Protein backbone atom coordinates (compact mmCIF):
# COMPACT_ATOMS: atom_id res chain seq x y z
CA MET A 1 146.89 179.50 36.97
CA ARG A 2 146.65 175.64 38.08
CA LYS A 3 147.59 176.74 41.17
CA PHE A 4 145.58 178.96 41.78
CA PHE A 5 142.27 176.73 40.99
CA PHE A 6 144.37 173.90 43.26
CA GLY A 7 144.32 176.67 46.25
CA VAL A 8 140.91 177.43 45.25
CA GLY A 9 140.01 173.36 45.25
CA ILE A 10 141.60 172.94 48.85
CA PHE A 11 140.00 175.56 50.53
CA SER A 12 136.88 174.56 49.02
CA ALA A 13 137.06 171.19 50.61
CA ILE A 14 138.17 172.65 53.71
CA PHE A 15 135.22 174.39 54.07
CA VAL A 16 133.08 172.01 53.25
CA THR A 17 134.42 170.03 55.85
CA VAL A 18 134.56 172.16 58.39
CA ILE A 19 130.55 172.97 57.79
CA LEU A 20 129.80 168.93 57.71
CA ILE A 21 131.79 168.60 61.11
CA GLY A 22 129.53 171.95 62.44
CA ILE A 23 126.07 169.56 61.71
CA GLY A 24 127.76 166.44 63.02
CA TYR A 25 127.93 168.43 66.06
CA ALA A 26 124.26 169.77 65.97
CA VAL A 27 122.71 166.49 65.41
CA PHE A 28 125.26 164.98 68.09
CA PHE A 29 123.79 167.44 70.35
CA SER A 30 120.58 167.83 70.23
CA ALA A 31 120.28 164.18 69.92
CA GLY A 32 118.33 163.78 73.04
CA GLN A 33 117.87 167.34 74.18
CA ASP A 34 113.94 167.42 72.50
CA GLU A 35 113.08 164.81 74.98
CA GLU A 36 114.69 165.73 78.04
CA ALA A 37 113.41 169.28 77.29
CA LYS A 38 110.19 168.33 76.50
CA ARG A 39 109.94 166.42 80.67
CA TYR A 40 111.41 169.92 81.85
CA VAL A 41 108.90 171.54 80.56
CA ASP A 42 105.70 169.40 81.06
CA SER A 43 107.01 168.75 84.67
CA SER A 44 106.99 172.90 84.85
CA LEU A 45 103.97 173.57 83.23
CA ILE A 46 102.09 171.31 85.50
CA ALA A 47 103.96 172.33 89.12
CA ILE A 48 103.28 176.07 87.64
CA THR A 49 99.84 176.06 86.41
CA SER A 50 98.42 173.67 88.81
CA ASN A 51 97.66 176.45 91.35
CA TRP A 52 98.72 179.58 89.27
CA ASP A 53 102.03 179.63 92.30
CA VAL A 54 104.08 182.29 90.35
CA ASN A 55 106.48 181.38 92.94
CA GLU A 56 106.70 177.49 90.94
CA LEU A 57 107.55 180.36 87.63
CA ARG A 58 110.30 182.21 89.94
CA SER A 59 111.94 179.15 91.05
CA ARG A 60 112.13 177.93 87.38
CA ALA A 61 112.86 181.91 85.21
CA SER A 62 116.59 182.35 84.36
CA GLN A 63 118.42 185.73 85.10
CA GLU A 64 117.10 187.31 81.81
CA LEU A 65 113.68 186.38 82.75
CA LEU A 66 113.09 187.97 86.36
CA ARG A 67 115.02 191.15 85.03
CA SER A 68 112.92 191.56 82.51
CA THR A 69 109.86 191.33 84.21
CA LYS A 70 108.56 193.51 87.67
CA GLN A 71 107.49 191.10 90.18
CA ASP A 72 104.26 192.50 90.90
CA ASP A 73 103.00 192.77 86.89
CA LEU A 74 103.97 188.95 87.44
CA VAL A 75 101.64 188.52 90.24
CA SER A 76 99.20 190.36 88.97
CA LEU A 77 98.76 188.63 86.01
CA PHE A 78 98.88 184.71 88.32
CA THR A 79 96.19 186.72 90.27
CA ARG A 80 94.06 186.97 87.30
CA PHE A 81 95.17 183.69 85.62
CA ALA A 82 93.98 182.40 89.10
CA THR A 83 90.66 182.94 87.35
CA LEU A 84 90.96 179.93 85.61
CA GLY A 85 91.09 177.59 88.52
CA PRO A 86 93.15 174.94 89.07
CA LEU A 87 94.52 172.12 86.89
CA VAL A 88 92.37 169.68 85.81
CA GLU A 89 93.62 168.28 82.69
CA TYR A 90 97.23 168.87 81.35
CA GLU A 91 97.25 167.95 77.44
CA GLY A 92 100.76 167.97 76.86
CA SER A 93 103.76 170.11 75.35
CA LYS A 94 104.44 170.47 71.79
CA ARG A 95 108.01 171.48 70.24
CA GLU A 96 107.33 174.58 68.01
CA GLY A 97 111.58 174.95 67.48
CA TRP A 98 114.65 174.88 68.29
CA LYS A 99 117.78 176.66 67.91
CA LEU A 100 121.35 175.17 68.97
CA PHE A 101 123.87 178.16 69.55
CA ILE A 102 127.44 178.24 70.30
CA ASN A 103 129.25 181.12 72.17
CA ILE A 104 133.02 181.25 71.01
CA GLY A 105 134.78 183.86 73.19
CA THR A 106 132.31 183.74 76.22
CA ASN A 107 132.64 181.81 79.54
CA GLU A 108 128.44 180.91 78.72
CA GLY A 109 129.35 178.02 77.46
CA ASN A 110 126.96 176.19 74.14
CA GLY A 111 123.50 175.88 74.06
CA PHE A 112 119.85 174.73 73.70
CA LYS A 113 116.87 176.51 73.11
CA ALA A 114 113.55 175.67 72.23
CA THR A 115 110.04 176.92 72.47
CA TYR A 116 107.28 174.43 73.46
CA VAL A 117 102.82 175.23 73.14
CA ALA A 118 101.14 173.30 75.78
CA HIS A 119 97.39 173.45 76.10
CA GLY A 120 95.48 172.81 79.88
CA LYS A 121 91.92 172.76 81.10
CA TYR A 122 91.23 174.21 84.34
CA ASN A 123 87.95 174.58 86.31
CA ASN A 124 86.85 177.39 84.65
CA GLY A 125 88.27 177.37 81.16
CA LYS A 126 91.05 176.28 78.50
CA ALA A 127 94.34 177.81 78.09
CA GLU A 128 96.86 177.65 76.24
CA ILE A 129 100.87 177.78 77.04
CA HIS A 130 103.71 179.12 75.52
CA CYS A 131 107.16 178.45 77.30
CA VAL A 132 110.98 178.74 75.63
CA ILE A 133 113.65 177.35 77.31
CA VAL A 134 117.02 177.34 77.81
CA LYS A 135 119.82 174.87 78.08
CA LEU A 136 123.79 176.52 79.26
CA GLY A 137 125.21 174.01 80.70
CA ASP A 138 123.31 170.78 82.33
CA VAL A 139 120.69 173.69 83.94
CA TRP A 140 117.34 174.21 82.35
CA LYS A 141 115.75 177.55 82.67
CA ILE A 142 112.43 179.23 81.38
CA ILE A 143 113.36 182.26 79.26
CA GLY A 144 109.71 183.23 77.72
CA PHE A 145 106.40 182.20 79.93
CA HIS A 146 102.77 183.56 77.96
CA VAL A 147 99.63 182.13 78.67
CA ILE A 148 96.79 182.50 76.23
CA PRO A 149 93.26 181.76 78.17
CA SER A 150 91.22 181.43 76.36
CA ALA A 151 88.21 181.86 78.90
CA LEU A 152 89.66 185.28 79.74
CA ILE A 153 89.24 185.89 75.64
CA ALA A 154 85.98 185.35 75.44
CA ASP A 155 84.73 187.26 78.09
CA LYS A 156 86.78 189.90 77.13
CA ALA A 157 85.69 189.99 73.77
CA GLY A 158 81.71 188.85 75.16
CA ARG A 159 82.06 192.90 76.97
CA ASN A 160 83.55 194.28 73.53
CA THR A 161 80.45 193.58 71.36
């Protein structure tokens, strides 16, 4: 019985050590990622929304985003967003969540995924932009892009009443 408890104790110590190493790795890996991610999001959103250029989004989009979105739909959305007019003031982005992921047994490597929310003022209204980015290796890509234009929402709400 004594050997059993000794074995359980050793197993528990190894298990806790592995968990602590994993947490340490996550902290080490994510250190600096937030600042780098924020710079990427801010520069991307300014380039994309300054004049609502769909090609700026395409050049930064992940293959996953490009495959899941019909190009005609993307152009239609940007045509609608363009009614907000050009960017007047970018208010910056704020991270809402992040996740470190480790791919074991795949060639995709480890990565970092983050969600940011930004606000901008345009000639004809304001918009809230949700941007999800992922970093695989050294490359950041946009995997999610969602715009909530307050002017268009107010316009739609006015028509329904």
